[in-house]
Amino acid sequence: MRNKICIRKSTSSIRNLSNTIKNSLKDFKSNLPLTLLAFPGIVLVFIFCYLPLPGIILAFKKLDFAKGIFGSPFVGLENFKFLFFTDTAWRLTRNTVLMNLIFILAGMACSVIIALLLFEVRNEIAVKVYQTAIIFPYFLSWVVVGYMSYGILSSQYGLLNVIIKAFGGESVDWYSKPEWWPFFLALFYIWKSAGMGSIIYYASLIGIDKEYYEAATIDGATKWQMTRYISLPFIYPMMTLLLILNIGNIIRADFGLFYYLTRDVPLLYPTTDVIDTYVFRVMRRIGDPGMAAAAGLYQSTVGFVLIVISNYIVTKIEPDNALF
């Protein structure tokens, strides 16, 4: 009797496994065009994100170029000391986290506002012109933006000082005023990235069924009411998703932004020095790749933990908006 039951269970398991395989193959065939479309991106992610993973061991070794990564001597956590046991550790962490928080919140708010404004434009040609204008800065290199910012903030011939002197004021050496630079950095970051971010939200808005707005118009709703009760709720899931992903990078700063705009002026370090620029300076002086690997591993680990925690919080508040 027991043998018969076991045989039945085994047959049932094999049948279920067969059905699962058939369903998976069916889904794969039905999604084959999308899979082929995503294939180049999958290959790039595999090459640049997964193949280098064994190099993580470099964070725990002192690289000897003659012996290679795996033959170099093991030093444990020695490479992490330069990042955590210095008098600048608190300043680096504070600047990185606070500036990224400003970028995330201010950038998201500006992107949503731009998307809502674009959504109200009914002329298709005008929409394309506006989209092109606001996306263009995203494709500029931070090197180019750095020269542009210098042309605005230069103490002698900068546009901002020219305006100040035209109104009877005195020229200001902005590159010796660290208290102003969180504002300048946030301003240039939003100018460069908010346009591209708005396209994602705009795509979500144009997918909303027009009948919602027609019904709201019939009921006498104002533009603000339609925005508050129709448009914003429909883009909340996308906002949540992007927020979770951005939180994962909160400990990783944009090197080009903090290096080229500030021109690496030491007087600005109290508010603009972040982990990435500090690691670059240390690498330039010492030249030990193990330290850079340690910093990268630290940033990736913290980012992963933050994504998991933020996603867990979202699942408790609104499970449908969670990343996983």
Protein backbone atom coordinates (compact mmCIF):
# COMPACT_ATOMS: atom_id res chain seq x y z
CA MET A 1 0.00 0.00 0.00
CA ARG A 2 2.81 2.38 0.91
CA ASN A 3 4.59 1.60 -2.36
CA LYS A 4 1.44 2.48 -4.32
CA ILE A 5 1.10 5.76 -2.48
CA CYS A 6 4.76 6.60 -3.12
CA ILE A 7 4.39 5.73 -6.80
CA ARG A 8 1.30 7.94 -7.07
CA LYS A 9 3.10 10.83 -5.36
CA SER A 10 6.11 10.40 -7.63
CA THR A 11 3.89 10.29 -10.72
CA SER A 12 2.04 13.38 -9.55
CA SER A 13 5.31 15.23 -8.90
CA ILE A 14 6.67 14.31 -12.33
CA ARG A 15 3.43 15.43 -13.94
CA ASN A 16 3.52 18.76 -12.07
CA LEU A 17 7.16 19.27 -13.04
CA SER A 18 6.30 18.51 -16.68
CA ASN A 19 3.42 21.00 -16.61
CA THR A 20 5.68 23.63 -15.06
CA ILE A 21 8.31 23.15 -17.76
CA LYS A 22 5.66 23.31 -20.49
CA ASN A 23 4.21 26.52 -19.03
CA SER A 24 7.67 28.05 -18.73
CA LEU A 25 8.48 27.20 -22.35
CA LYS A 26 5.14 28.62 -23.42
CA ASP A 27 5.79 31.85 -21.55
CA PHE A 28 9.30 32.03 -23.00
CA LYS A 29 8.01 31.63 -26.56
CA SER A 30 5.28 34.23 -26.05
CA ASN A 31 7.81 36.71 -24.61
CA LEU A 32 10.59 35.87 -27.09
CA PRO A 33 10.41 39.23 -28.94
CA LEU A 34 10.79 41.14 -25.66
CA THR A 35 13.60 38.81 -24.56
CA LEU A 36 15.48 39.41 -27.82
CA LEU A 37 14.95 43.15 -27.40
CA ALA A 38 16.45 43.03 -23.89
CA PHE A 39 19.24 40.59 -24.83
CA PRO A 40 21.95 43.21 -25.58
CA GLY A 41 21.29 44.86 -22.22
CA ILE A 42 21.37 41.50 -20.45
CA VAL A 43 24.74 40.71 -22.06
CA LEU A 44 26.18 44.09 -21.02
CA VAL A 45 24.96 43.67 -17.44
CA PHE A 46 26.46 40.17 -17.30
CA ILE A 47 29.83 41.34 -18.65
CA PHE A 48 30.22 44.48 -16.57
CA CYS A 49 28.34 43.53 -13.37
CA TYR A 50 28.66 39.77 -12.89
CA LEU A 51 31.93 38.72 -14.53
CA PRO A 52 33.99 41.16 -12.38
CA LEU A 53 32.48 39.85 -9.11
CA PRO A 54 35.47 37.58 -8.27
CA GLY A 55 37.50 40.80 -8.12
CA ILE A 56 35.79 41.58 -4.79
CA ILE A 57 38.62 39.64 -3.16
CA LEU A 58 40.91 42.56 -4.06
CA ALA A 59 39.30 44.55 -1.22
CA PHE A 60 40.98 42.16 1.24
CA LYS A 61 44.40 41.98 -0.40
CA LYS A 62 47.42 44.18 -1.01
CA LEU A 63 47.85 43.99 -4.75
CA ASP A 64 51.18 42.75 -6.03
CA PHE A 65 51.12 43.24 -9.79
CA ALA A 66 53.71 40.52 -10.30
CA LYS A 67 51.59 37.92 -8.46
CA GLY A 68 48.17 39.07 -9.68
CA ILE A 69 44.95 39.45 -7.68
CA PHE A 70 44.67 35.90 -6.39
CA GLY A 71 48.37 35.53 -5.65
CA SER A 72 48.68 38.80 -3.70
CA PRO A 73 49.01 38.68 0.11
CA PHE A 74 45.82 38.71 2.18
CA VAL A 75 45.55 41.73 4.53
CA GLY A 76 42.03 41.30 5.92
CA LEU A 77 40.29 44.57 6.71
CA GLU A 78 43.43 46.66 6.38
CA ASN A 79 42.17 48.34 3.20
CA PHE A 80 39.06 49.60 4.98
CA LYS A 81 40.99 51.54 7.63
CA PHE A 82 41.74 54.53 5.40
CA LEU A 83 38.00 55.02 4.96
CA PHE A 84 36.73 54.51 8.51
CA PHE A 85 39.60 55.37 10.84
CA THR A 86 40.45 58.87 9.66
CA ASP A 87 39.43 62.29 10.94
CA THR A 88 37.47 62.84 7.71
CA ALA A 89 35.30 59.70 7.90
CA TRP A 90 32.34 61.49 9.50
CA ARG A 91 32.58 64.43 7.08
CA LEU A 92 32.69 62.16 4.03
CA THR A 93 29.71 60.09 5.13
CA ARG A 94 27.67 63.14 6.15
CA ASN A 95 28.30 64.99 2.89
CA THR A 96 27.60 61.94 0.74
CA VAL A 97 24.33 61.01 2.44
CA LEU A 98 22.94 64.52 2.90
CA MET A 99 23.75 65.68 -0.63
CA ASN A 100 22.23 62.52 -2.12
CA LEU A 101 19.11 63.02 -0.01
CA ILE A 102 18.79 66.54 -1.40
CA PHE A 103 19.31 65.25 -4.94
CA ILE A 104 16.75 62.46 -4.54
CA LEU A 105 13.99 64.54 -2.96
CA ALA A 106 14.49 67.75 -4.92
CA GLY A 107 15.16 65.90 -8.17
CA MET A 108 12.03 63.77 -7.82
CA ALA A 109 9.86 66.77 -6.96
CA CYS A 110 11.13 68.76 -9.96
CA SER A 111 10.78 65.77 -12.31
CA VAL A 112 7.17 65.21 -11.23
CA ILE A 113 6.32 68.90 -11.63
CA ILE A 114 7.85 69.02 -15.12
CA ALA A 115 5.98 65.85 -16.11
CA LEU A 116 2.67 67.29 -14.88
CA LEU A 117 3.28 70.52 -16.79
CA LEU A 118 4.15 68.62 -19.97
CA PHE A 119 1.00 66.56 -19.54
CA GLU A 120 -1.08 69.73 -19.69
CA VAL A 121 0.41 70.78 -23.04
CA ARG A 122 -1.95 69.65 -25.81
CA ASN A 123 0.10 70.75 -28.83
CA GLU A 124 2.19 67.72 -29.91
CA ILE A 125 4.87 69.84 -31.62
CA ALA A 126 5.26 72.00 -28.51
CA VAL A 127 5.57 68.90 -26.32
CA LYS A 128 8.39 67.54 -28.51
CA VAL A 129 10.20 70.88 -28.43
CA TYR A 130 9.92 71.11 -24.64
CA GLN A 131 11.04 67.50 -24.17
CA THR A 132 14.09 68.04 -26.36
CA ALA A 133 15.01 71.22 -24.48
CA ILE A 134 14.75 69.69 -21.01
CA ILE A 135 16.49 66.41 -21.93
CA PHE A 136 19.45 68.03 -23.71
CA PRO A 137 21.40 68.93 -20.51
CA TYR A 138 21.37 65.24 -19.48
CA PHE A 139 23.72 64.39 -22.36
CA LEU A 140 26.29 67.02 -21.45
CA SER A 141 29.45 65.80 -19.75
CA TRP A 142 30.14 67.01 -16.22
CA VAL A 143 33.40 68.39 -17.62
CA VAL A 144 31.43 70.70 -19.91
CA VAL A 145 29.01 71.59 -17.11
CA GLY A 146 32.02 72.30 -14.88
CA TYR A 147 33.30 74.92 -17.34
CA MET A 148 29.80 76.37 -17.60
CA SER A 149 29.56 76.66 -13.82
CA TYR A 150 32.98 78.32 -13.68
CA GLY A 151 31.79 80.84 -16.26
CA ILE A 152 28.89 81.66 -13.93
CA LEU A 153 30.70 81.58 -10.57
CA SER A 154 34.18 82.86 -11.41
CA SER A 155 35.23 85.58 -9.01
CA GLN A 156 36.52 87.93 -11.75
CA TYR A 157 34.43 87.40 -14.88
CA GLY A 158 31.64 85.12 -13.68
CA LEU A 159 28.12 86.00 -14.81
CA LEU A 160 26.78 85.97 -11.24
CA ASN A 161 29.41 88.45 -10.04
CA VAL A 162 28.82 90.66 -13.08
CA ILE A 163 25.13 90.86 -12.11
CA ILE A 164 26.00 91.53 -8.45
CA LYS A 165 28.38 94.37 -9.39
CA ALA A 166 25.80 95.80 -11.82
CA PHE A 167 23.48 96.28 -8.82
CA GLY A 168 26.21 97.96 -6.78
CA GLY A 169 27.44 94.91 -4.86
CA GLU A 170 30.94 93.51 -4.44
CA SER A 171 32.40 90.51 -6.22
CA VAL A 172 32.22 87.25 -4.26
CA ASP A 173 34.79 84.46 -4.44
CA TRP A 174 32.30 81.60 -4.55
CA TYR A 175 35.09 79.00 -4.59
CA SER A 176 36.00 79.97 -1.04
CA LYS A 177 32.41 79.83 0.29
CA PRO A 178 31.67 76.15 1.12
CA GLU A 179 28.32 77.01 2.73
CA TRP A 180 26.89 77.97 -0.67
CA TRP A 181 27.92 74.86 -2.56
CA PRO A 182 25.20 72.43 -1.47
CA PHE A 183 22.79 74.85 -3.16
CA PHE A 184 24.92 75.21 -6.30
CA LEU A 185 25.45 71.46 -6.64
CA ALA A 186 21.75 70.74 -6.17
CA LEU A 187 20.84 73.43 -8.71
CA PHE A 188 23.15 72.05 -11.41
CA TYR A 189 22.16 68.46 -10.65
CA ILE A 190 18.46 69.25 -11.05
CA TRP A 191 19.10 71.26 -14.22
CA LYS A 192 20.99 68.34 -15.74
CA SER A 193 18.89 65.35 -14.62
CA ALA A 194 15.32 66.47 -13.87
CA GLY A 195 14.38 66.56 -17.55
CA MET A 196 15.29 62.92 -18.14
CA GLY A 197 13.56 61.90 -14.92
CA SER A 198 10.40 63.70 -15.96
CA ILE A 199 10.10 61.57 -19.11
CA ILE A 200 9.54 58.46 -17.00
CA TYR A 201 6.70 60.11 -15.09
CA TYR A 202 5.30 61.62 -18.27
CA ALA A 203 5.13 58.14 -19.81
CA SER A 204 3.11 57.00 -16.78
CA LEU A 205 0.75 59.96 -17.12
CA ILE A 206 -0.05 59.43 -20.80
CA GLY A 207 -1.04 55.85 -19.96
CA ILE A 208 -3.92 57.04 -17.76
CA ASP A 209 -7.38 56.43 -19.21
CA LYS A 210 -8.84 59.74 -20.43
CA GLU A 211 -12.25 58.77 -19.10
CA TYR A 212 -11.09 59.60 -15.57
CA TYR A 213 -10.45 63.21 -16.56
CA GLU A 214 -13.65 63.42 -18.59
CA ALA A 215 -15.69 62.22 -15.62
CA ALA A 216 -13.88 64.65 -13.32
CA THR A 217 -14.55 67.52 -15.72
CA ILE A 218 -18.26 66.67 -15.82
CA ASP A 219 -18.32 66.67 -12.00
CA GLY A 220 -16.78 70.15 -11.99
CA ALA A 221 -13.30 69.23 -10.71
CA THR A 222 -10.55 71.82 -11.05
CA LYS A 223 -7.14 71.20 -12.59
CA TRP A 224 -5.56 70.98 -9.15
CA GLN A 225 -8.16 68.45 -7.99
CA MET A 226 -7.62 66.30 -11.10
CA THR A 227 -3.87 66.45 -10.54
CA ARG A 228 -4.18 65.57 -6.86
CA TYR A 229 -6.76 62.80 -7.09
CA ILE A 230 -6.07 61.31 -10.54
CA SER A 231 -2.60 62.12 -11.91
CA LEU A 232 -0.51 61.80 -8.75
CA PRO A 233 -2.05 58.50 -7.51
CA PHE A 234 -1.29 56.93 -10.89
CA ILE A 235 2.39 57.84 -10.74
CA TYR A 236 2.89 56.98 -7.05
CA PRO A 237 4.01 53.39 -7.89
CA MET A 238 6.68 54.69 -10.28
CA MET A 239 7.78 57.28 -7.74
CA THR A 240 8.10 54.57 -5.09
CA LEU A 241 10.06 52.28 -7.39
CA LEU A 242 12.55 54.99 -8.37
CA LEU A 243 12.84 56.12 -4.75
CA ILE A 244 13.83 52.62 -3.65
CA LEU A 245 16.44 52.36 -6.41
CA ASN A 246 17.83 55.81 -5.62
CA ILE A 247 18.09 55.01 -1.92
CA GLY A 248 20.36 52.13 -2.91
CA ASN A 249 22.82 54.69 -4.31
CA ILE A 250 22.61 57.12 -1.42
CA ILE A 251 26.11 56.23 -0.24
CA ARG A 252 27.54 56.47 -3.77
CA ALA A 253 28.15 60.01 -5.04
CA ASP A 254 28.39 61.24 -8.63
CA PHE A 255 32.14 61.75 -9.00
CA GLY A 256 31.89 64.07 -12.00
CA LEU A 257 29.46 66.38 -10.25
CA PHE A 258 31.50 66.76 -7.07
CA TYR A 259 34.91 66.89 -8.74
CA TYR A 260 34.51 68.99 -11.88
CA LEU A 261 32.01 71.54 -10.58
CA THR A 262 34.02 72.26 -7.42
CA ARG A 263 37.32 72.04 -9.36
CA ASP A 264 38.63 70.03 -6.40
CA VAL A 265 39.23 73.21 -4.39
CA PRO A 266 40.30 72.25 -0.83
CA LEU A 267 38.45 75.23 0.66
CA LEU A 268 35.16 73.59 -0.37
CA TYR A 269 35.89 70.20 1.22
CA PRO A 270 33.79 70.84 4.37
CA THR A 271 30.57 70.60 2.32
CA THR A 272 31.58 69.03 -1.01
CA ASP A 273 34.08 66.30 -0.18
CA VAL A 274 32.42 62.88 -0.60
CA ILE A 275 33.58 59.28 -0.46
CA ASP A 276 34.24 59.03 -4.20
CA THR A 277 36.38 62.16 -4.46
CA TYR A 278 38.30 61.21 -1.31
CA VAL A 279 39.06 57.74 -2.69
CA PHE A 280 40.24 59.32 -5.94
CA ARG A 281 42.68 61.59 -4.11
CA VAL A 282 43.99 58.73 -1.99
CA MET A 283 44.42 56.56 -5.08
CA ARG A 284 46.26 59.37 -6.85
CA ARG A 285 48.73 59.65 -3.97
CA ILE A 286 49.11 56.02 -2.91
CA GLY A 287 48.03 54.10 -6.00
CA ASP A 288 46.71 51.02 -4.14
CA PRO A 289 43.72 49.47 -6.01
CA GLY A 290 42.82 47.48 -2.87
CA MET A 291 41.65 50.66 -1.15
CA ALA A 292 39.42 51.62 -4.07
CA ALA A 293 38.00 48.08 -4.11
CA ALA A 294 37.30 48.30 -0.37
CA ALA A 295 35.44 51.58 -0.80
CA GLY A 296 33.41 50.17 -3.70
CA LEU A 297 32.51 47.04 -1.72
CA TYR A 298 31.45 49.16 1.25
CA GLN A 299 29.23 51.36 -0.93
CA SER A 300 27.66 48.37 -2.71
CA THR A 301 26.98 46.51 0.53
CA VAL A 302 25.37 49.51 2.21
CA GLY A 303 23.33 50.22 -0.93
CA PHE A 304 22.05 46.64 -1.05
CA VAL A 305 21.05 46.72 2.62
CA LEU A 306 19.25 50.05 2.17
CA ILE A 307 17.31 48.74 -0.83
CA VAL A 308 16.17 45.67 1.13
CA ILE A 309 15.15 47.78 4.14
CA SER A 310 13.32 50.43 2.10
CA ASN A 311 11.54 47.76 0.05
CA TYR A 312 10.49 45.99 3.26
CA ILE A 313 9.02 49.25 4.59
CA VAL A 314 7.12 49.76 1.34
CA THR A 315 5.69 46.21 1.51
CA LYS A 316 4.26 47.03 4.93
CA ILE A 317 2.70 50.31 3.76
CA GLU A 318 1.70 49.57 0.16
CA PRO A 319 2.67 46.04 -1.02
CA ASP A 320 1.66 46.69 -4.64
CA ASN A 321 4.29 49.43 -4.96
CA ALA A 322 7.20 47.31 -3.68
CA LEU A 323 10.14 46.43 -5.89
CA PHE A 324 10.11 42.75 -4.93
